[in-house]
Amino acid sequence: MIGKAVELLKDYISERLTNMPSLQNEHGINVDLSLLNEHSSVSLAKNVLYLTVVNIEEDRVVKSQSGTTYTSGGTYSHQNPAIRINFYLMISANFEDYKLGLEFLAGAIRSFQSKNVFNHQNTPQLDNEIQQLIIEMHTLGIEEQKNLWNTIGTSYLPSVLYKVKSLFIQEDTASKEGPPITTVNINSGKV
């Protein structure tokens, strides 16, 4: 599900950048999904805007505590509550022409500034498993940026970080099912 969300955002940015005349150049528009190759080492091609997931977290603020639902068959079923996931998506520019890289990065920022909510009404190609995505810019301090780039294992590239909110993960299998409780008997234990 996270992969589908990132792919959708990559396609959206690619389409938006293609429609920005100021970004037309001899290299074309190249947006790729990760700074890391299949061996988890940094693999940087030139003239590419990279989208990389750098953190995934559970959103506990709106966590549902109820896992019991009434079914159409007159029984109750229990399943663990859905998990709401947020992830952090870093967009970084690796261009031979530094100024062009900054223009591509600004184009990506403009893309999310113009559309920061993706739902089924405004994005028909949004996967049915995803209700909506909310995109918020997330600012890191200098020290946090340094630590992030050290963790990735490469030198700093011009980049921006976004928090992508509202992915729900819910397994559809119920752990318990049964009829509703209609009476309660209390046994005090006295003879």
C-alpha atoms as a PDB file:
ATOM      1  CA  MET A   1       0.000   0.000   0.000  1.00  0.00           C
ATOM      2  CA  ILE A   2       2.841   2.422   0.795  1.00  0.00           C
ATOM      3  CA  GLY A   3       4.471   1.512  -2.503  1.00  0.00           C
ATOM      4  CA  LYS A   4       1.238   2.270  -4.378  1.00  0.00           C
ATOM      5  CA  ALA A   5       0.992   5.662  -2.651  1.00  0.00           C
ATOM      6  CA  VAL A   6       4.602   6.567  -3.490  1.00  0.00           C
ATOM      7  CA  GLU A   7       4.160   5.447  -7.104  1.00  0.00           C
ATOM      8  CA  LEU A   8       1.048   7.618  -7.418  1.00  0.00           C
ATOM      9  CA  LEU A   9       2.904  10.654  -6.034  1.00  0.00           C
ATOM     10  CA  LYS A  10       5.862  10.000  -8.358  1.00  0.00           C
ATOM     11  CA  ASP A  11       3.554   9.871 -11.370  1.00  0.00           C
ATOM     12  CA  TYR A  12       1.787  13.059 -10.245  1.00  0.00           C
ATOM     13  CA  ILE A  13       5.059  14.976  -9.867  1.00  0.00           C
ATOM     14  CA  SER A  14       6.350  13.664 -13.224  1.00  0.00           C
ATOM     15  CA  GLU A  15       3.177  14.798 -14.976  1.00  0.00           C
ATOM     16  CA  ARG A  16       3.237  18.222 -13.325  1.00  0.00           C
ATOM     17  CA  LEU A  17       6.922  18.790 -14.115  1.00  0.00           C
ATOM     18  CA  THR A  18       6.376  17.777 -17.741  1.00  0.00           C
ATOM     19  CA  ASN A  19       3.763  20.535 -18.021  1.00  0.00           C
ATOM     20  CA  MET A  20       6.086  23.250 -16.675  1.00  0.00           C
ATOM     21  CA  PRO A  21       7.758  24.917 -19.681  1.00  0.00           C
ATOM     22  CA  SER A  22      10.583  26.368 -17.589  1.00  0.00           C
ATOM     23  CA  LEU A  23      11.825  22.816 -16.829  1.00  0.00           C
ATOM     24  CA  GLN A  24      12.173  21.621 -20.401  1.00  0.00           C
ATOM     25  CA  ASN A  25      15.814  20.688 -21.022  1.00  0.00           C
ATOM     26  CA  GLU A  26      17.970  18.305 -23.056  1.00  0.00           C
ATOM     27  CA  HIS A  27      17.882  15.645 -20.288  1.00  0.00           C
ATOM     28  CA  GLY A  28      14.079  15.430 -20.132  1.00  0.00           C
ATOM     29  CA  ILE A  29      12.086  14.924 -16.948  1.00  0.00           C
ATOM     30  CA  ASN A  30      13.365  12.037 -14.840  1.00  0.00           C
ATOM     31  CA  VAL A  31      11.726  11.218 -11.505  1.00  0.00           C
ATOM     32  CA  ASP A  32      12.864   8.014  -9.792  1.00  0.00           C
ATOM     33  CA  LEU A  33      11.767   6.186  -6.658  1.00  0.00           C
ATOM     34  CA  SER A  34      14.825   5.797  -4.471  1.00  0.00           C
ATOM     35  CA  LEU A  35      18.343   6.908  -3.773  1.00  0.00           C
ATOM     36  CA  LEU A  36      19.110   3.301  -2.795  1.00  0.00           C
ATOM     37  CA  ASN A  37      19.626   0.357  -5.109  1.00  0.00           C
ATOM     38  CA  GLU A  38      18.581  -3.262  -4.448  1.00  0.00           C
ATOM     39  CA  HIS A  39      21.660  -3.738  -2.216  1.00  0.00           C
ATOM     40  CA  SER A  40      20.636  -0.781   0.012  1.00  0.00           C
ATOM     41  CA  SER A  41      23.603   1.252  -1.124  1.00  0.00           C
ATOM     42  CA  VAL A  42      23.390   4.721  -2.602  1.00  0.00           C
ATOM     43  CA  SER A  43      23.079   4.726  -6.374  1.00  0.00           C
ATOM     44  CA  LEU A  44      22.863   8.249  -7.783  1.00  0.00           C
ATOM     45  CA  ALA A  45      22.284   8.957 -11.437  1.00  0.00           C
ATOM     46  CA  LYS A  46      22.643  12.538 -12.630  1.00  0.00           C
ATOM     47  CA  ASN A  47      19.732  14.739 -13.676  1.00  0.00           C
ATOM     48  CA  VAL A  48      17.179  12.886 -11.564  1.00  0.00           C
ATOM     49  CA  LEU A  49      14.634  13.965  -8.971  1.00  0.00           C
ATOM     50  CA  TYR A  50      14.490  11.172  -6.355  1.00  0.00           C
ATOM     51  CA  LEU A  51      11.554  10.245  -4.100  1.00  0.00           C
ATOM     52  CA  THR A  52      12.642   8.230  -1.070  1.00  0.00           C
ATOM     53  CA  VAL A  53      10.631   7.026   1.945  1.00  0.00           C
ATOM     54  CA  VAL A  54      12.796   7.855   4.965  1.00  0.00           C
ATOM     55  CA  ASN A  55      10.463   6.988   7.862  1.00  0.00           C
ATOM     56  CA  ILE A  56       7.151   5.265   8.577  1.00  0.00           C
ATOM     57  CA  GLU A  57       5.199   5.890  11.760  1.00  0.00           C
ATOM     58  CA  GLU A  58       1.865   5.040  13.323  1.00  0.00           C
ATOM     59  CA  ASP A  59      -0.497   7.970  13.790  1.00  0.00           C
ATOM     60  CA  ARG A  60      -1.766   7.317  17.315  1.00  0.00           C
ATOM     61  CA  VAL A  61      -3.708  10.559  17.684  1.00  0.00           C
ATOM     62  CA  VAL A  62      -6.749   9.272  15.806  1.00  0.00           C
ATOM     63  CA  LYS A  63      -6.353   5.580  16.606  1.00  0.00           C
ATOM     64  CA  SER A  64      -9.667   3.769  16.824  1.00  0.00           C
ATOM     65  CA  GLN A  65     -10.046   1.666  19.953  1.00  0.00           C
ATOM     66  CA  SER A  66     -13.194  -0.172  18.904  1.00  0.00           C
ATOM     67  CA  GLY A  67     -12.762  -3.389  17.021  1.00  0.00           C
ATOM     68  CA  THR A  68     -16.281  -4.779  17.424  1.00  0.00           C
ATOM     69  CA  THR A  69     -18.790  -4.461  14.594  1.00  0.00           C
ATOM     70  CA  TYR A  70     -22.343  -5.656  14.075  1.00  0.00           C
ATOM     71  CA  THR A  71     -22.695  -7.791  10.959  1.00  0.00           C
ATOM     72  CA  SER A  72     -25.690  -8.022   8.630  1.00  0.00           C
ATOM     73  CA  GLY A  73     -26.234 -11.614   9.799  1.00  0.00           C
ATOM     74  CA  GLY A  74     -27.128 -10.475  13.329  1.00  0.00           C
ATOM     75  CA  THR A  75     -23.803 -11.402  14.916  1.00  0.00           C
ATOM     76  CA  TYR A  76     -20.920  -9.403  16.234  1.00  0.00           C
ATOM     77  CA  SER A  77     -17.373  -9.755  15.029  1.00  0.00           C
ATOM     78  CA  HIS A  78     -14.124  -8.524  16.493  1.00  0.00           C
ATOM     79  CA  GLN A  79     -10.974  -7.559  14.677  1.00  0.00           C
ATOM     80  CA  ASN A  80      -8.088  -5.415  15.760  1.00  0.00           C
ATOM     81  CA  PRO A  81      -8.557  -1.725  14.939  1.00  0.00           C
ATOM     82  CA  ALA A  82      -7.056  -0.349  11.738  1.00  0.00           C
ATOM     83  CA  ILE A  83      -3.608   1.194  11.941  1.00  0.00           C
ATOM     84  CA  ARG A  84      -3.229   4.685  10.502  1.00  0.00           C
ATOM     85  CA  ILE A  85       0.175   5.147   8.920  1.00  0.00           C
ATOM     86  CA  ASN A  86       2.091   8.311   8.107  1.00  0.00           C
ATOM     87  CA  PHE A  87       5.299   8.201   6.132  1.00  0.00           C
ATOM     88  CA  TYR A  88       7.975  10.754   5.333  1.00  0.00           C
ATOM     89  CA  LEU A  89       8.832  11.217   1.687  1.00  0.00           C
ATOM     90  CA  MET A  90      12.050  13.008   0.806  1.00  0.00           C
ATOM     91  CA  ILE A  91      12.366  14.579  -2.625  1.00  0.00           C
ATOM     92  CA  SER A  92      15.965  15.265  -3.591  1.00  0.00           C
ATOM     93  CA  ALA A  93      17.567  16.692  -6.719  1.00  0.00           C
ATOM     94  CA  ASN A  94      20.808  15.340  -8.185  1.00  0.00           C
ATOM     95  CA  PHE A  95      21.577  17.430 -11.267  1.00  0.00           C
ATOM     96  CA  GLU A  96      24.787  18.343 -13.066  1.00  0.00           C
ATOM     97  CA  ASP A  97      23.391  21.866 -13.368  1.00  0.00           C
ATOM     98  CA  TYR A  98      22.779  22.879  -9.730  1.00  0.00           C
ATOM     99  CA  LYS A  99      20.394  25.683 -10.680  1.00  0.00           C
ATOM    100  CA  LEU A 100      18.310  23.332 -12.862  1.00  0.00           C
ATOM    101  CA  GLY A 101      18.123  20.870  -9.961  1.00  0.00           C
ATOM    102  CA  LEU A 102      16.787  23.622  -7.714  1.00  0.00           C
ATOM    103  CA  GLU A 103      14.190  24.492 -10.368  1.00  0.00           C
ATOM    104  CA  PHE A 104      13.047  20.856 -10.487  1.00  0.00           C
ATOM    105  CA  LEU A 105      12.832  20.776  -6.694  1.00  0.00           C
ATOM    106  CA  ALA A 106      10.813  24.011  -6.719  1.00  0.00           C
ATOM    107  CA  GLY A 107       8.549  22.450  -9.354  1.00  0.00           C
ATOM    108  CA  ALA A 108       7.899  19.487  -7.058  1.00  0.00           C
ATOM    109  CA  ILE A 109       7.135  21.877  -4.194  1.00  0.00           C
ATOM    110  CA  ARG A 110       4.718  23.805  -6.429  1.00  0.00           C
ATOM    111  CA  SER A 111       3.069  20.524  -7.385  1.00  0.00           C
ATOM    112  CA  PHE A 112       2.205  19.691  -3.780  1.00  0.00           C
ATOM    113  CA  GLN A 113       1.340  23.292  -2.992  1.00  0.00           C
ATOM    114  CA  SER A 114      -1.330  23.222  -5.694  1.00  0.00           C
ATOM    115  CA  LYS A 115      -2.681  19.809  -4.659  1.00  0.00           C
ATOM    116  CA  ASN A 116      -1.975  18.545  -1.167  1.00  0.00           C
ATOM    117  CA  VAL A 117      -4.972  16.210  -0.746  1.00  0.00           C
ATOM    118  CA  PHE A 118      -5.393  13.162  -2.959  1.00  0.00           C
ATOM    119  CA  ASN A 119      -8.751  11.367  -2.763  1.00  0.00           C
ATOM    120  CA  HIS A 120     -10.976   9.386  -5.115  1.00  0.00           C
ATOM    121  CA  GLN A 121     -12.846  12.510  -6.253  1.00  0.00           C
ATOM    122  CA  ASN A 122      -9.786  14.482  -7.429  1.00  0.00           C
ATOM    123  CA  THR A 123      -7.530  11.497  -8.207  1.00  0.00           C
ATOM    124  CA  PRO A 124      -9.506   8.703  -9.917  1.00  0.00           C
ATOM    125  CA  GLN A 125      -6.380   6.540 -10.290  1.00  0.00           C
ATOM    126  CA  LEU A 126      -5.944   6.394  -6.474  1.00  0.00           C
ATOM    127  CA  ASP A 127      -5.877   2.741  -5.434  1.00  0.00           C
ATOM    128  CA  ASN A 128      -9.106   1.500  -3.814  1.00  0.00           C
ATOM    129  CA  GLU A 129      -7.164   0.415  -0.699  1.00  0.00           C
ATOM    130  CA  ILE A 130      -6.218   4.057  -0.069  1.00  0.00           C
ATOM    131  CA  GLN A 131      -8.955   6.415   1.158  1.00  0.00           C
ATOM    132  CA  GLN A 132      -6.938   9.602   0.863  1.00  0.00           C
ATOM    133  CA  LEU A 133      -3.443  11.039   1.153  1.00  0.00           C
ATOM    134  CA  ILE A 134      -2.693  14.367   2.811  1.00  0.00           C
ATOM    135  CA  ILE A 135       0.670  15.933   1.983  1.00  0.00           C
ATOM    136  CA  GLU A 136       2.349  18.337   4.443  1.00  0.00           C
ATOM    137  CA  MET A 137       5.808  19.843   4.183  1.00  0.00           C
ATOM    138  CA  HIS A 138       7.972  18.819   7.135  1.00  0.00           C
ATOM    139  CA  THR A 139      10.975  20.955   8.029  1.00  0.00           C
ATOM    140  CA  LEU A 140      14.126  19.432   9.493  1.00  0.00           C
ATOM    141  CA  GLY A 141      16.745  21.425  11.361  1.00  0.00           C
ATOM    142  CA  ILE A 142      20.339  21.491  10.115  1.00  0.00           C
ATOM    143  CA  GLU A 143      21.464  18.818  12.596  1.00  0.00           C
ATOM    144  CA  GLU A 144      18.535  16.541  11.726  1.00  0.00           C
ATOM    145  CA  GLN A 145      19.310  16.934   8.013  1.00  0.00           C
ATOM    146  CA  LYS A 146      22.945  16.069   8.645  1.00  0.00           C
ATOM    147  CA  ASN A 147      21.932  12.946  10.569  1.00  0.00           C
ATOM    148  CA  LEU A 148      19.462  11.901   7.867  1.00  0.00           C
ATOM    149  CA  TRP A 149      22.016  12.249   5.066  1.00  0.00           C
ATOM    150  CA  ASN A 150      24.670  10.450   7.133  1.00  0.00           C
ATOM    151  CA  THR A 151      22.201   7.603   7.674  1.00  0.00           C
ATOM    152  CA  ILE A 152      21.502   7.422   3.943  1.00  0.00           C
ATOM    153  CA  GLY A 153      25.250   7.318   3.351  1.00  0.00           C
ATOM    154  CA  THR A 154      25.855  10.112   0.888  1.00  0.00           C
ATOM    155  CA  SER A 155      26.569  13.825   0.775  1.00  0.00           C
ATOM    156  CA  TYR A 156      23.750  16.314   1.098  1.00  0.00           C
ATOM    157  CA  LEU A 157      21.591  16.994  -1.941  1.00  0.00           C
ATOM    158  CA  PRO A 158      19.057  19.813  -2.208  1.00  0.00           C
ATOM    159  CA  SER A 159      15.906  18.246  -0.827  1.00  0.00           C
ATOM    160  CA  VAL A 160      12.525  18.755   0.771  1.00  0.00           C
ATOM    161  CA  LEU A 161      10.709  16.439   3.177  1.00  0.00           C
ATOM    162  CA  TYR A 162       6.973  15.772   3.181  1.00  0.00           C
ATOM    163  CA  LYS A 163       4.806  13.981   5.697  1.00  0.00           C
ATOM    164  CA  VAL A 164       2.227  11.865   3.874  1.00  0.00           C
ATOM    165  CA  LYS A 165      -0.719  11.162   6.147  1.00  0.00           C
ATOM    166  CA  SER A 166      -3.726   8.909   6.353  1.00  0.00           C
ATOM    167  CA  LEU A 167      -2.883   5.463   5.053  1.00  0.00           C
ATOM    168  CA  PHE A 168      -5.052   2.875   6.791  1.00  0.00           C
ATOM    169  CA  ILE A 169      -3.902  -0.701   7.165  1.00  0.00           C
ATOM    170  CA  GLN A 170      -6.659  -3.155   8.089  1.00  0.00           C
ATOM    171  CA  GLU A 171      -6.683  -6.905   7.685  1.00  0.00           C
ATOM    172  CA  ASP A 172     -10.195  -8.030   6.769  1.00  0.00           C
ATOM    173  CA  THR A 173     -10.220 -11.218   8.834  1.00  0.00           C
ATOM    174  CA  ALA A 174     -12.182 -11.224  12.079  1.00  0.00           C
ATOM    175  CA  SER A 175     -10.531 -12.898  15.058  1.00  0.00           C
ATOM    176  CA  LYS A 176     -13.798 -13.651  16.899  1.00  0.00           C
ATOM    177  CA  GLU A 177     -17.440 -13.872  15.861  1.00  0.00           C
ATOM    178  CA  GLY A 178     -20.519 -14.637  17.890  1.00  0.00           C
ATOM    179  CA  PRO A 179     -24.116 -13.825  18.642  1.00  0.00           C
ATOM    180  CA  PRO A 180     -24.932 -10.675  20.609  1.00  0.00           C
ATOM    181  CA  ILE A 181     -25.090 -10.878  24.413  1.00  0.00           C
ATOM    182  CA  THR A 182     -28.769 -10.651  25.346  1.00  0.00           C
ATOM    183  CA  THR A 183     -28.728 -11.594  29.057  1.00  0.00           C
ATOM    184  CA  VAL A 184     -26.284 -11.363  31.894  1.00  0.00           C
ATOM    185  CA  ASN A 185     -26.380 -13.778  34.852  1.00  0.00           C
ATOM    186  CA  ILE A 186     -24.558 -12.816  37.998  1.00  0.00           C
ATOM    187  CA  ASN A 187     -23.623 -15.550  40.403  1.00  0.00           C
ATOM    188  CA  SER A 188     -22.619 -14.125  43.761  1.00  0.00           C
ATOM    189  CA  GLY A 189     -21.039 -17.380  44.878  1.00  0.00           C
ATOM    190  CA  LYS A 190     -23.084 -17.568  48.146  1.00  0.00           C
ATOM    191  CA  VAL A 191     -24.705 -20.819  49.141  1.00  0.00           C
END
